[in-house]
Full PDB file with SEQRES, HELIX, SHEET, SSBOND, CRYST1, ORIGX, SCALE, CONECT and MASTER records, all heavy atoms in Angstrom:
SEQRES   1 A   40  ASN ARG PHE LYS SER ILE GLN VAL GLU ARG LEU VAL PRO          
SEQRES   2 A   40  VAL GLU PHE ASP LEU GLY LEU LEU ALA CYS PHE ASP VAL          
SEQRES   3 A   40  ASN MET ILE ASP GLU ALA GLN LEU ARG ALA SER GLN LYS          
SEQRES   4 A   40  ALA                                                          
HELIX    1 AA1 GLU A   31  LEU A   34  1                                   4    
SHEET    1 AA1 2 GLU A  15  ASP A  17  0                                        
SHEET    2 AA1 2 ALA A  22  PHE A  24 -1                                        
CRYST1    1.000    1.000    1.000  90.00  90.00  90.00 P 1           1          
ORIGX1      1.000000  0.000000  0.000000        0.00000                         
ORIGX2      0.000000  1.000000  0.000000        0.00000                         
ORIGX3      0.000000  0.000000  1.000000        0.00000                         
SCALE1      1.000000  0.000000  0.000000        0.00000                         
SCALE2      0.000000  1.000000  0.000000        0.00000                         
SCALE3      0.000000  0.000000  1.000000        0.00000                         
ATOM      1  N   ASN A   1      22.375 -51.539  18.777  1.00  0.00           N  
ATOM      2  CA  ASN A   1      21.576 -50.365  19.143  1.00  0.00           C  
ATOM      3  C   ASN A   1      21.814 -49.904  20.578  1.00  0.00           C  
ATOM      4  O   ASN A   1      21.477 -48.774  20.934  1.00  0.00           O  
ATOM      5  CB  ASN A   1      20.091 -50.667  18.933  1.00  0.00           C  
ATOM      6  CG  ASN A   1      19.744 -50.848  17.465  1.00  0.00           C  
ATOM      7  OD1 ASN A   1      20.393 -50.271  16.601  1.00  0.00           O  
ATOM      8  ND2 ASN A   1      18.724 -51.665  17.187  1.00  0.00           N  
ATOM      9  N   ARG A   2      22.351 -50.804  21.386  1.00  0.00           N  
ATOM     10  CA  ARG A   2      22.630 -50.411  22.766  1.00  0.00           C  
ATOM     11  C   ARG A   2      23.755 -49.374  22.863  1.00  0.00           C  
ATOM     12  O   ARG A   2      23.846 -48.641  23.836  1.00  0.00           O  
ATOM     13  CB  ARG A   2      23.004 -51.639  23.592  1.00  0.00           C  
ATOM     14  CG  ARG A   2      21.827 -52.581  23.849  1.00  0.00           C  
ATOM     15  CD  ARG A   2      22.292 -53.844  24.530  1.00  0.00           C  
ATOM     16  NE  ARG A   2      22.999 -53.528  25.774  1.00  0.00           N  
ATOM     17  CZ  ARG A   2      23.651 -54.435  26.510  1.00  0.00           C  
ATOM     18  NH1 ARG A   2      23.691 -55.709  26.095  1.00  0.00           N  
ATOM     19  NH2 ARG A   2      24.253 -54.078  27.617  1.00  0.00           N  
ATOM     20  N   PHE A   3      24.626 -49.317  21.870  1.00  0.00           N  
ATOM     21  CA  PHE A   3      25.768 -48.406  21.888  1.00  0.00           C  
ATOM     22  C   PHE A   3      25.585 -47.339  20.815  1.00  0.00           C  
ATOM     23  O   PHE A   3      25.228 -47.646  19.670  1.00  0.00           O  
ATOM     24  CB  PHE A   3      27.073 -49.166  21.634  1.00  0.00           C  
ATOM     25  CG  PHE A   3      27.331 -50.245  22.663  1.00  0.00           C  
ATOM     26  CD1 PHE A   3      26.981 -51.567  22.391  1.00  0.00           C  
ATOM     27  CD2 PHE A   3      27.898 -49.938  23.879  1.00  0.00           C  
ATOM     28  CE1 PHE A   3      27.199 -52.554  23.325  1.00  0.00           C  
ATOM     29  CE2 PHE A   3      28.127 -50.925  24.819  1.00  0.00           C  
ATOM     30  CZ  PHE A   3      27.777 -52.233  24.555  1.00  0.00           C  
ATOM     31  N   LYS A   4      25.807 -46.098  21.196  1.00  0.00           N  
ATOM     32  CA  LYS A   4      25.684 -44.977  20.270  1.00  0.00           C  
ATOM     33  C   LYS A   4      26.974 -44.815  19.470  1.00  0.00           C  
ATOM     34  O   LYS A   4      28.064 -45.192  19.904  1.00  0.00           O  
ATOM     35  CB  LYS A   4      25.392 -43.691  21.051  1.00  0.00           C  
ATOM     36  CG  LYS A   4      24.138 -43.749  21.909  1.00  0.00           C  
ATOM     37  CD  LYS A   4      22.879 -43.805  21.076  1.00  0.00           C  
ATOM     38  CE  LYS A   4      21.644 -43.777  21.947  1.00  0.00           C  
ATOM     39  NZ  LYS A   4      20.392 -43.806  21.168  1.00  0.00           N  
ATOM     40  N   SER A   5      26.845 -44.216  18.317  1.00  0.00           N  
ATOM     41  CA  SER A   5      28.001 -43.993  17.459  1.00  0.00           C  
ATOM     42  C   SER A   5      28.843 -42.841  18.012  1.00  0.00           C  
ATOM     43  O   SER A   5      28.323 -41.874  18.574  1.00  0.00           O  
ATOM     44  CB  SER A   5      27.548 -43.676  16.034  1.00  0.00           C  
ATOM     45  OG  SER A   5      28.648 -43.332  15.232  1.00  0.00           O  
ATOM     46  N   ILE A   6      30.153 -42.965  17.823  1.00  0.00           N  
ATOM     47  CA  ILE A   6      31.048 -41.893  18.280  1.00  0.00           C  
ATOM     48  C   ILE A   6      31.151 -40.778  17.248  1.00  0.00           C  
ATOM     49  O   ILE A   6      31.738 -39.727  17.518  1.00  0.00           O  
ATOM     50  CB  ILE A   6      32.455 -42.442  18.600  1.00  0.00           C  
ATOM     51  CG1 ILE A   6      33.094 -43.029  17.335  1.00  0.00           C  
ATOM     52  CG2 ILE A   6      32.389 -43.474  19.710  1.00  0.00           C  
ATOM     53  CD1 ILE A   6      34.537 -43.425  17.517  1.00  0.00           C  
ATOM     54  N   GLN A   7      30.608 -40.987  16.080  1.00  0.00           N  
ATOM     55  CA  GLN A   7      30.624 -39.968  15.044  1.00  0.00           C  
ATOM     56  C   GLN A   7      29.352 -39.130  15.166  1.00  0.00           C  
ATOM     57  O   GLN A   7      28.242 -39.637  15.051  1.00  0.00           O  
ATOM     58  CB  GLN A   7      30.701 -40.615  13.651  1.00  0.00           C  
ATOM     59  CG  GLN A   7      31.919 -41.492  13.444  1.00  0.00           C  
ATOM     60  CD  GLN A   7      33.211 -40.691  13.529  1.00  0.00           C  
ATOM     61  OE1 GLN A   7      33.243 -39.496  13.199  1.00  0.00           O  
ATOM     62  NE2 GLN A   7      34.274 -41.345  13.969  1.00  0.00           N  
ATOM     63  N   VAL A   8      29.534 -37.839  15.432  1.00  0.00           N  
ATOM     64  CA  VAL A   8      28.422 -36.902  15.597  1.00  0.00           C  
ATOM     65  C   VAL A   8      28.531 -35.839  14.511  1.00  0.00           C  
ATOM     66  O   VAL A   8      29.592 -35.235  14.326  1.00  0.00           O  
ATOM     67  CB  VAL A   8      28.447 -36.242  16.997  1.00  0.00           C  
ATOM     68  CG1 VAL A   8      27.286 -35.267  17.142  1.00  0.00           C  
ATOM     69  CG2 VAL A   8      28.401 -37.305  18.080  1.00  0.00           C  
ATOM     70  N   GLU A   9      27.446 -35.634  13.804  1.00  0.00           N  
ATOM     71  CA  GLU A   9      27.427 -34.656  12.716  1.00  0.00           C  
ATOM     72  C   GLU A   9      26.676 -33.412  13.155  1.00  0.00           C  
ATOM     73  O   GLU A   9      25.622 -33.497  13.789  1.00  0.00           O  
ATOM     74  CB  GLU A   9      26.767 -35.266  11.472  1.00  0.00           C  
ATOM     75  CG  GLU A   9      27.522 -36.452  10.891  1.00  0.00           C  
ATOM     76  CD  GLU A   9      26.850 -37.003   9.648  1.00  0.00           C  
ATOM     77  OE1 GLU A   9      25.779 -36.436   9.284  1.00  0.00           O  
ATOM     78  OE2 GLU A   9      27.372 -37.964   9.057  1.00  0.00           O  
ATOM     79  N   ARG A  10      27.242 -32.274  12.806  1.00  0.00           N  
ATOM     80  CA  ARG A  10      26.644 -30.983  13.107  1.00  0.00           C  
ATOM     81  C   ARG A  10      26.652 -30.121  11.846  1.00  0.00           C  
ATOM     82  O   ARG A  10      27.630 -30.132  11.083  1.00  0.00           O  
ATOM     83  CB  ARG A  10      27.415 -30.261  14.222  1.00  0.00           C  
ATOM     84  CG  ARG A  10      27.137 -30.792  15.610  1.00  0.00           C  
ATOM     85  CD  ARG A  10      25.749 -30.358  16.066  1.00  0.00           C  
ATOM     86  NE  ARG A  10      25.502 -30.690  17.455  1.00  0.00           N  
ATOM     87  CZ  ARG A  10      24.954 -31.817  17.875  1.00  0.00           C  
ATOM     88  NH1 ARG A  10      24.626 -32.765  16.978  1.00  0.00           N  
ATOM     89  NH2 ARG A  10      24.730 -32.029  19.147  1.00  0.00           N  
ATOM     90  N   LEU A  11      25.556 -29.378  11.631  1.00  0.00           N  
ATOM     91  CA  LEU A  11      25.479 -28.515  10.459  1.00  0.00           C  
ATOM     92  C   LEU A  11      26.506 -27.390  10.559  1.00  0.00           C  
ATOM     93  O   LEU A  11      27.189 -27.066   9.583  1.00  0.00           O  
ATOM     94  CB  LEU A  11      24.059 -27.948  10.332  1.00  0.00           C  
ATOM     95  CG  LEU A  11      23.791 -27.061   9.109  1.00  0.00           C  
ATOM     96  CD1 LEU A  11      23.999 -27.867   7.822  1.00  0.00           C  
ATOM     97  CD2 LEU A  11      22.384 -26.476   9.157  1.00  0.00           C  
ATOM     98  N   VAL A  12      26.603 -26.803  11.730  1.00  0.00           N  
ATOM     99  CA  VAL A  12      27.609 -25.766  11.994  1.00  0.00           C  
ATOM    100  C   VAL A  12      28.692 -26.388  12.867  1.00  0.00           C  
ATOM    101  O   VAL A  12      28.372 -26.999  13.897  1.00  0.00           O  
ATOM    102  CB  VAL A  12      26.980 -24.549  12.702  1.00  0.00           C  
ATOM    103  CG1 VAL A  12      28.047 -23.488  12.974  1.00  0.00           C  
ATOM    104  CG2 VAL A  12      25.842 -23.979  11.884  1.00  0.00           C  
ATOM    105  N   PRO A  13      29.956 -26.296  12.461  1.00  0.00           N  
ATOM    106  CA  PRO A  13      31.016 -26.915  13.276  1.00  0.00           C  
ATOM    107  C   PRO A  13      31.036 -26.352  14.700  1.00  0.00           C  
ATOM    108  O   PRO A  13      30.812 -25.171  14.932  1.00  0.00           O  
ATOM    109  CB  PRO A  13      32.297 -26.563  12.515  1.00  0.00           C  
ATOM    110  CG  PRO A  13      31.850 -26.283  11.117  1.00  0.00           C  
ATOM    111  CD  PRO A  13      30.484 -25.689  11.225  1.00  0.00           C  
ATOM    112  N   VAL A  14      31.317 -27.222  15.634  1.00  0.00           N  
ATOM    113  CA  VAL A  14      31.352 -26.857  17.053  1.00  0.00           C  
ATOM    114  C   VAL A  14      32.743 -26.323  17.385  1.00  0.00           C  
ATOM    115  O   VAL A  14      33.755 -26.883  16.944  1.00  0.00           O  
ATOM    116  CB  VAL A  14      31.005 -28.068  17.937  1.00  0.00           C  
ATOM    117  CG1 VAL A  14      31.076 -27.695  19.414  1.00  0.00           C  
ATOM    118  CG2 VAL A  14      29.620 -28.583  17.585  1.00  0.00           C  
ATOM    119  N   GLU A  15      32.788 -25.232  18.150  1.00  0.00           N  
ATOM    120  CA  GLU A  15      34.053 -24.654  18.581  1.00  0.00           C  
ATOM    121  C   GLU A  15      34.431 -25.222  19.947  1.00  0.00           C  
ATOM    122  O   GLU A  15      33.572 -25.406  20.818  1.00  0.00           O  
ATOM    123  CB  GLU A  15      33.951 -23.123  18.658  1.00  0.00           C  
ATOM    124  CG  GLU A  15      33.674 -22.473  17.307  1.00  0.00           C  
ATOM    125  CD  GLU A  15      33.624 -20.952  17.417  1.00  0.00           C  
ATOM    126  OE1 GLU A  15      33.818 -20.453  18.545  1.00  0.00           O  
ATOM    127  OE2 GLU A  15      33.395 -20.311  16.386  1.00  0.00           O  
ATOM    128  N   PHE A  16      35.736 -25.448  20.129  1.00  0.00           N  
ATOM    129  CA  PHE A  16      36.230 -26.051  21.367  1.00  0.00           C  
ATOM    130  C   PHE A  16      37.273 -25.133  22.007  1.00  0.00           C  
ATOM    131  O   PHE A  16      38.024 -24.434  21.308  1.00  0.00           O  
ATOM    132  CB  PHE A  16      36.871 -27.425  21.095  1.00  0.00           C  
ATOM    133  CG  PHE A  16      35.906 -28.440  20.550  1.00  0.00           C  
ATOM    134  CD1 PHE A  16      35.763 -28.612  19.182  1.00  0.00           C  
ATOM    135  CD2 PHE A  16      35.148 -29.210  21.406  1.00  0.00           C  
ATOM    136  CE1 PHE A  16      34.879 -29.545  18.673  1.00  0.00           C  
ATOM    137  CE2 PHE A  16      34.250 -30.142  20.909  1.00  0.00           C  
ATOM    138  CZ  PHE A  16      34.121 -30.315  19.538  1.00  0.00           C  
ATOM    139  N   ASP A  17      37.289 -25.159  23.314  1.00  0.00           N  
ATOM    140  CA  ASP A  17      38.365 -24.560  24.106  1.00  0.00           C  
ATOM    141  C   ASP A  17      38.799 -25.632  25.094  1.00  0.00           C  
ATOM    142  O   ASP A  17      38.304 -25.723  26.229  1.00  0.00           O  
ATOM    143  CB  ASP A  17      37.892 -23.299  24.835  1.00  0.00           C  
ATOM    144  CG  ASP A  17      39.046 -22.535  25.455  1.00  0.00           C  
ATOM    145  OD1 ASP A  17      40.174 -23.066  25.459  1.00  0.00           O  
ATOM    146  OD2 ASP A  17      38.825 -21.413  25.944  1.00  0.00           O  
ATOM    147  N   LEU A  18      39.725 -26.456  24.651  1.00  0.00           N  
ATOM    148  CA  LEU A  18      40.114 -27.622  25.448  1.00  0.00           C  
ATOM    149  C   LEU A  18      40.858 -27.227  26.713  1.00  0.00           C  
ATOM    150  O   LEU A  18      40.931 -28.015  27.656  1.00  0.00           O  
ATOM    151  CB  LEU A  18      40.973 -28.562  24.593  1.00  0.00           C  
ATOM    152  CG  LEU A  18      40.273 -29.127  23.351  1.00  0.00           C  
ATOM    153  CD1 LEU A  18      41.213 -30.038  22.587  1.00  0.00           C  
ATOM    154  CD2 LEU A  18      39.005 -29.868  23.739  1.00  0.00           C  
ATOM    155  N   GLY A  19      41.419 -26.027  26.731  1.00  0.00           N  
ATOM    156  CA  GLY A  19      42.073 -25.585  27.964  1.00  0.00           C  
ATOM    157  C   GLY A  19      41.093 -25.453  29.111  1.00  0.00           C  
ATOM    158  O   GLY A  19      41.448 -25.658  30.279  1.00  0.00           O  
ATOM    159  N   LEU A  20      39.838 -25.119  28.791  1.00  0.00           N  
ATOM    160  CA  LEU A  20      38.771 -25.014  29.797  1.00  0.00           C  
ATOM    161  C   LEU A  20      37.847 -26.217  29.783  1.00  0.00           C  
ATOM    162  O   LEU A  20      36.860 -26.239  30.541  1.00  0.00           O  
ATOM    163  CB  LEU A  20      37.947 -23.739  29.552  1.00  0.00           C  
ATOM    164  CG  LEU A  20      38.651 -22.408  29.773  1.00  0.00           C  
ATOM    165  CD1 LEU A  20      37.748 -21.257  29.352  1.00  0.00           C  
ATOM    166  CD2 LEU A  20      39.034 -22.252  31.233  1.00  0.00           C  
ATOM    167  N   LEU A  21      38.132 -27.200  28.903  1.00  0.00           N  
ATOM    168  CA  LEU A  21      37.258 -28.362  28.734  1.00  0.00           C  
ATOM    169  C   LEU A  21      35.834 -27.905  28.418  1.00  0.00           C  
ATOM    170  O   LEU A  21      34.855 -28.333  29.041  1.00  0.00           O  
ATOM    171  CB  LEU A  21      37.273 -29.251  29.986  1.00  0.00           C  
ATOM    172  CG  LEU A  21      38.604 -29.926  30.326  1.00  0.00           C  
ATOM    173  CD1 LEU A  21      38.472 -30.739  31.611  1.00  0.00           C  
ATOM    174  CD2 LEU A  21      39.068 -30.815  29.183  1.00  0.00           C  
ATOM    175  N   ALA A  22      35.728 -27.017  27.431  1.00  0.00           N  
ATOM    176  CA  ALA A  22      34.435 -26.440  27.063  1.00  0.00           C  
ATOM    177  C   ALA A  22      34.264 -26.532  25.554  1.00  0.00           C  
ATOM    178  O   ALA A  22      35.232 -26.464  24.787  1.00  0.00           O  
ATOM    179  CB  ALA A  22      34.336 -24.988  27.516  1.00  0.00           C  
ATOM    180  N   CYS A  23      33.005 -26.691  25.135  1.00  0.00           N  
ATOM    181  CA  CYS A  23      32.667 -26.656  23.714  1.00  0.00           C  
ATOM    182  C   CYS A  23      31.453 -25.748  23.534  1.00  0.00           C  
ATOM    183  O   CYS A  23      30.601 -25.641  24.429  1.00  0.00           O  
ATOM    184  CB  CYS A  23      32.377 -28.057  23.172  1.00  0.00           C  
ATOM    185  SG  CYS A  23      30.946 -28.863  23.920  1.00  0.00           S  
ATOM    186  N   PHE A  24      31.379 -25.095  22.372  1.00  0.00           N  
ATOM    187  CA  PHE A  24      30.343 -24.096  22.095  1.00  0.00           C  
ATOM    188  C   PHE A  24      29.596 -24.533  20.838  1.00  0.00           C  
ATOM    189  O   PHE A  24      30.144 -24.491  19.733  1.00  0.00           O  
ATOM    190  CB  PHE A  24      30.965 -22.707  21.922  1.00  0.00           C  
ATOM    191  CG  PHE A  24      31.834 -22.298  23.081  1.00  0.00           C  
ATOM    192  CD1 PHE A  24      33.210 -22.477  23.030  1.00  0.00           C  
ATOM    193  CD2 PHE A  24      31.278 -21.741  24.221  1.00  0.00           C  
ATOM    194  CE1 PHE A  24      34.005 -22.101  24.094  1.00  0.00           C  
ATOM    195  CE2 PHE A  24      32.073 -21.358  25.293  1.00  0.00           C  
ATOM    196  CZ  PHE A  24      33.438 -21.551  25.233  1.00  0.00           C  
ATOM    197  N   ASP A  25      28.353 -24.957  21.038  1.00  0.00           N  
ATOM    198  CA  ASP A  25      27.511 -25.439  19.942  1.00  0.00           C  
ATOM    199  C   ASP A  25      26.465 -24.367  19.641  1.00  0.00           C  
ATOM    200  O   ASP A  25      25.602 -24.069  20.472  1.00  0.00           O  
ATOM    201  CB  ASP A  25      26.835 -26.750  20.341  1.00  0.00           C  
ATOM    202  CG  ASP A  25      26.139 -27.410  19.160  1.00  0.00           C  
ATOM    203  OD1 ASP A  25      26.142 -26.818  18.063  1.00  0.00           O  
ATOM    204  OD2 ASP A  25      25.598 -28.518  19.344  1.00  0.00           O  
ATOM    205  N   VAL A  26      26.538 -23.764  18.441  1.00  0.00           N  
ATOM    206  CA  VAL A  26      25.630 -22.678  18.065  1.00  0.00           C  
ATOM    207  C   VAL A  26      24.531 -23.174  17.129  1.00  0.00           C  
ATOM    208  O   VAL A  26      23.809 -22.358  16.546  1.00  0.00           O  
ATOM    209  CB  VAL A  26      26.411 -21.530  17.396  1.00  0.00           C  
ATOM    210  CG1 VAL A  26      27.390 -20.913  18.371  1.00  0.00           C  
ATOM    211  CG2 VAL A  26      27.152 -22.023  16.146  1.00  0.00           C  
ATOM    212  N   ASN A  27      24.370 -24.478  16.973  1.00  0.00           N  
ATOM    213  CA  ASN A  27      23.323 -25.010  16.109  1.00  0.00           C  
ATOM    214  C   ASN A  27      21.951 -24.782  16.731  1.00  0.00           C  
ATOM    215  O   ASN A  27      21.797 -24.734  17.957  1.00  0.00           O  
ATOM    216  CB  ASN A  27      23.545 -26.511  15.876  1.00  0.00           C  
ATOM    217  CG  ASN A  27      24.749 -26.767  14.999  1.00  0.00           C  
ATOM    218  OD1 ASN A  27      24.671 -26.725  13.772  1.00  0.00           O  
ATOM    219  ND2 ASN A  27      25.896 -27.036  15.637  1.00  0.00           N  
ATOM    220  N   MET A  28      20.947 -24.641  15.852  1.00  0.00           N  
ATOM    221  CA  MET A  28      19.586 -24.381  16.307  1.00  0.00           C  
ATOM    222  C   MET A  28      19.007 -25.609  17.003  1.00  0.00           C  
ATOM    223  O   MET A  28      19.298 -26.744  16.650  1.00  0.00           O  
ATOM    224  CB  MET A  28      18.706 -23.980  15.124  1.00  0.00           C  
ATOM    225  CG  MET A  28      19.167 -22.702  14.419  1.00  0.00           C  
ATOM    226  SD  MET A  28      19.025 -21.267  15.500  1.00  0.00           S  
ATOM    227  CE  MET A  28      17.250 -21.169  15.651  1.00  0.00           C  
ATOM    228  N   ILE A  29      18.158 -25.337  18.008  1.00  0.00           N  
ATOM    229  CA  ILE A  29      17.467 -26.398  18.737  1.00  0.00           C  
ATOM    230  C   ILE A  29      16.085 -26.590  18.121  1.00  0.00           C  
ATOM    231  O   ILE A  29      15.410 -25.624  17.745  1.00  0.00           O  
ATOM    232  CB  ILE A  29      17.366 -26.054  20.227  1.00  0.00           C  
ATOM    233  CG1 ILE A  29      18.763 -25.930  20.839  1.00  0.00           C  
ATOM    234  CG2 ILE A  29      16.576 -27.096  20.992  1.00  0.00           C  
ATOM    235  CD1 ILE A  29      18.768 -25.531  22.294  1.00  0.00           C  
ATOM    236  N   ASP A  30      15.661 -27.829  18.025  1.00  0.00           N  
ATOM    237  CA  ASP A  30      14.349 -28.157  17.457  1.00  0.00           C  
ATOM    238  C   ASP A  30      13.266 -27.748  18.462  1.00  0.00           C  
ATOM    239  O   ASP A  30      13.110 -28.372  19.517  1.00  0.00           O  
ATOM    240  CB  ASP A  30      14.274 -29.653  17.160  1.00  0.00           C  
ATOM    241  CG  ASP A  30      13.036 -30.003  16.339  1.00  0.00           C  
ATOM    242  OD1 ASP A  30      12.229 -29.077  16.075  1.00  0.00           O  
ATOM    243  OD2 ASP A  30      12.873 -31.186  15.992  1.00  0.00           O  
ATOM    244  N   GLU A  31      12.523 -26.681  18.134  1.00  0.00           N  
ATOM    245  CA  GLU A  31      11.488 -26.195  19.049  1.00  0.00           C  
ATOM    246  C   GLU A  31      10.322 -27.167  19.155  1.00  0.00           C  
ATOM    247  O   GLU A  31       9.641 -27.224  20.193  1.00  0.00           O  
ATOM    248  CB  GLU A  31      10.985 -24.831  18.584  1.00  0.00           C  
ATOM    249  CG  GLU A  31      12.047 -23.741  18.618  1.00  0.00           C  
ATOM    250  CD  GLU A  31      11.491 -22.386  18.242  1.00  0.00           C  
ATOM    251  OE1 GLU A  31      10.269 -22.322  17.964  1.00  0.00           O  
ATOM    252  OE2 GLU A  31      12.265 -21.412  18.216  1.00  0.00           O  
ATOM    253  N   ALA A  32      10.087 -27.948  18.099  1.00  0.00           N  
ATOM    254  CA  ALA A  32       8.991 -28.927  18.146  1.00  0.00           C  
ATOM    255  C   ALA A  32       9.267 -29.981  19.215  1.00  0.00           C  
ATOM    256  O   ALA A  32       8.347 -30.433  19.919  1.00  0.00           O  
ATOM    257  CB  ALA A  32       8.808 -29.573  16.781  1.00  0.00           C  
ATOM    258  N   GLN A  33      10.502 -30.382  19.341  1.00  0.00           N  
ATOM    259  CA  GLN A  33      10.862 -31.353  20.371  1.00  0.00           C  
ATOM    260  C   GLN A  33      10.702 -30.764  21.768  1.00  0.00           C  
ATOM    261  O   GLN A  33      10.332 -31.464  22.705  1.00  0.00           O  
ATOM    262  CB  GLN A  33      12.299 -31.827  20.164  1.00  0.00           C  
ATOM    263  CG  GLN A  33      12.520 -32.629  18.891  1.00  0.00           C  
ATOM    264  CD  GLN A  33      11.907 -34.012  18.988  1.00  0.00           C  
ATOM    265  OE1 GLN A  33      11.570 -34.494  20.064  1.00  0.00           O  
ATOM    266  NE2 GLN A  33      11.718 -34.645  17.826  1.00  0.00           N  
ATOM    267  N   LEU A  34      10.979 -29.454  21.909  1.00  0.00           N  
ATOM    268  CA  LEU A  34      10.841 -28.822  23.217  1.00  0.00           C  
ATOM    269  C   LEU A  34       9.378 -28.681  23.620  1.00  0.00           C  
ATOM    270  O   LEU A  34       9.061 -28.654  24.819  1.00  0.00           O  
ATOM    271  CB  LEU A  34      11.515 -27.446  23.207  1.00  0.00           C  
ATOM    272  CG  LEU A  34      13.037 -27.451  22.998  1.00  0.00           C  
ATOM    273  CD1 LEU A  34      13.557 -26.019  22.972  1.00  0.00           C  
ATOM    274  CD2 LEU A  34      13.741 -28.251  24.094  1.00  0.00           C  
ATOM    275  N   ARG A  35       8.468 -28.559  22.617  1.00  0.00           N  
ATOM    276  CA  ARG A  35       7.044 -28.422  22.924  1.00  0.00           C  
ATOM    277  C   ARG A  35       6.347 -29.787  23.050  1.00  0.00           C  
ATOM    278  O   ARG A  35       5.153 -29.835  23.348  1.00  0.00           O  
ATOM    279  CB  ARG A  35       6.355 -27.603  21.839  1.00  0.00           C  
ATOM    280  CG  ARG A  35       6.822 -26.160  21.754  1.00  0.00           C  
ATOM    281  CD  ARG A  35       5.885 -25.356  20.886  1.00  0.00           C  
ATOM    282  NE  ARG A  35       6.327 -23.984  20.741  1.00  0.00           N  
ATOM    283  CZ  ARG A  35       7.048 -23.527  19.721  1.00  0.00           C  
ATOM    284  NH1 ARG A  35       7.409 -24.377  18.749  1.00  0.00           N  
ATOM    285  NH2 ARG A  35       7.411 -22.266  19.658  1.00  0.00           N  
ATOM    286  N   ALA A  36       7.067 -30.843  22.830  1.00  0.00           N  
ATOM    287  CA  ALA A  36       6.462 -32.173  22.893  1.00  0.00           C  
ATOM    288  C   ALA A  36       6.230 -32.571  24.347  1.00  0.00           C  
ATOM    289  O   ALA A  36       6.386 -31.768  25.277  1.00  0.00           O  
ATOM    290  CB  ALA A  36       7.363 -33.179  22.175  1.00  0.00           C  
ATOM    291  N   SER A  37       5.871 -33.805  24.557  1.00  0.00           N  
ATOM    292  CA  SER A  37       5.631 -34.288  25.921  1.00  0.00           C  
ATOM    293  C   SER A  37       6.924 -34.271  26.730  1.00  0.00           C  
ATOM    294  O   SER A  37       8.029 -34.191  26.175  1.00  0.00           O  
ATOM    295  CB  SER A  37       5.051 -35.708  25.870  1.00  0.00           C  
ATOM    296  OG  SER A  37       5.980 -36.590  25.251  1.00  0.00           O  
ATOM    297  N   GLN A  38       6.760 -34.383  28.023  1.00  0.00           N  
ATOM    298  CA  GLN A  38       7.929 -34.298  28.893  1.00  0.00           C  
ATOM    299  C   GLN A  38       8.901 -35.436  28.641  1.00  0.00           C  
ATOM    300  O   GLN A  38      10.125 -35.238  28.642  1.00  0.00           O  
ATOM    301  CB  GLN A  38       7.488 -34.296  30.353  1.00  0.00           C  
ATOM    302  CG  GLN A  38       8.648 -34.132  31.340  1.00  0.00           C  
ATOM    303  CD  GLN A  38       8.174 -34.044  32.773  1.00  0.00           C  
ATOM    304  OE1 GLN A  38       6.978 -34.090  33.029  1.00  0.00           O  
ATOM    305  NE2 GLN A  38       9.113 -33.927  33.692  1.00  0.00           N  
ATOM    306  N   LYS A  39       8.393 -36.617  28.382  1.00  0.00           N  
ATOM    307  CA  LYS A  39       9.261 -37.754  28.139  1.00  0.00           C  
ATOM    308  C   LYS A  39      10.067 -37.561  26.858  1.00  0.00           C  
ATOM    309  O   LYS A  39      11.284 -37.809  26.822  1.00  0.00           O  
ATOM    310  CB  LYS A  39       8.414 -39.025  28.063  1.00  0.00           C  
ATOM    311  CG  LYS A  39       9.236 -40.292  27.942  1.00  0.00           C  
ATOM    312  CD  LYS A  39       8.336 -41.513  27.966  1.00  0.00           C  
ATOM    313  CE  LYS A  39       9.165 -42.795  27.852  1.00  0.00           C  
ATOM    314  NZ  LYS A  39       8.301 -44.008  27.864  1.00  0.00           N  
ATOM    315  N   ALA A  40       9.407 -37.103  25.797  1.00  0.00           N  
ATOM    316  CA  ALA A  40      10.112 -36.874  24.533  1.00  0.00           C  
ATOM    317  C   ALA A  40      11.099 -35.722  24.652  1.00  0.00           C  
ATOM    318  O   ALA A  40      12.204 -35.763  24.097  1.00  0.00           O  
ATOM    319  CB  ALA A  40       9.101 -36.592  23.422  1.00  0.00           C  
TER     320      ALA A  40                                                      
MASTER        0    0    0    1    2    0    0    6  319    1    0    4          
END                                                                             
């Protein structure tokens, strides 16, 4: 549990521009998590 998995799943595939070392993730953010406590 101390180490996270290198396999990450996304509902919408993430677009990459490796020439700029940039990735574009258009997946929705969980608003419930954003309204939770500061620690969460």
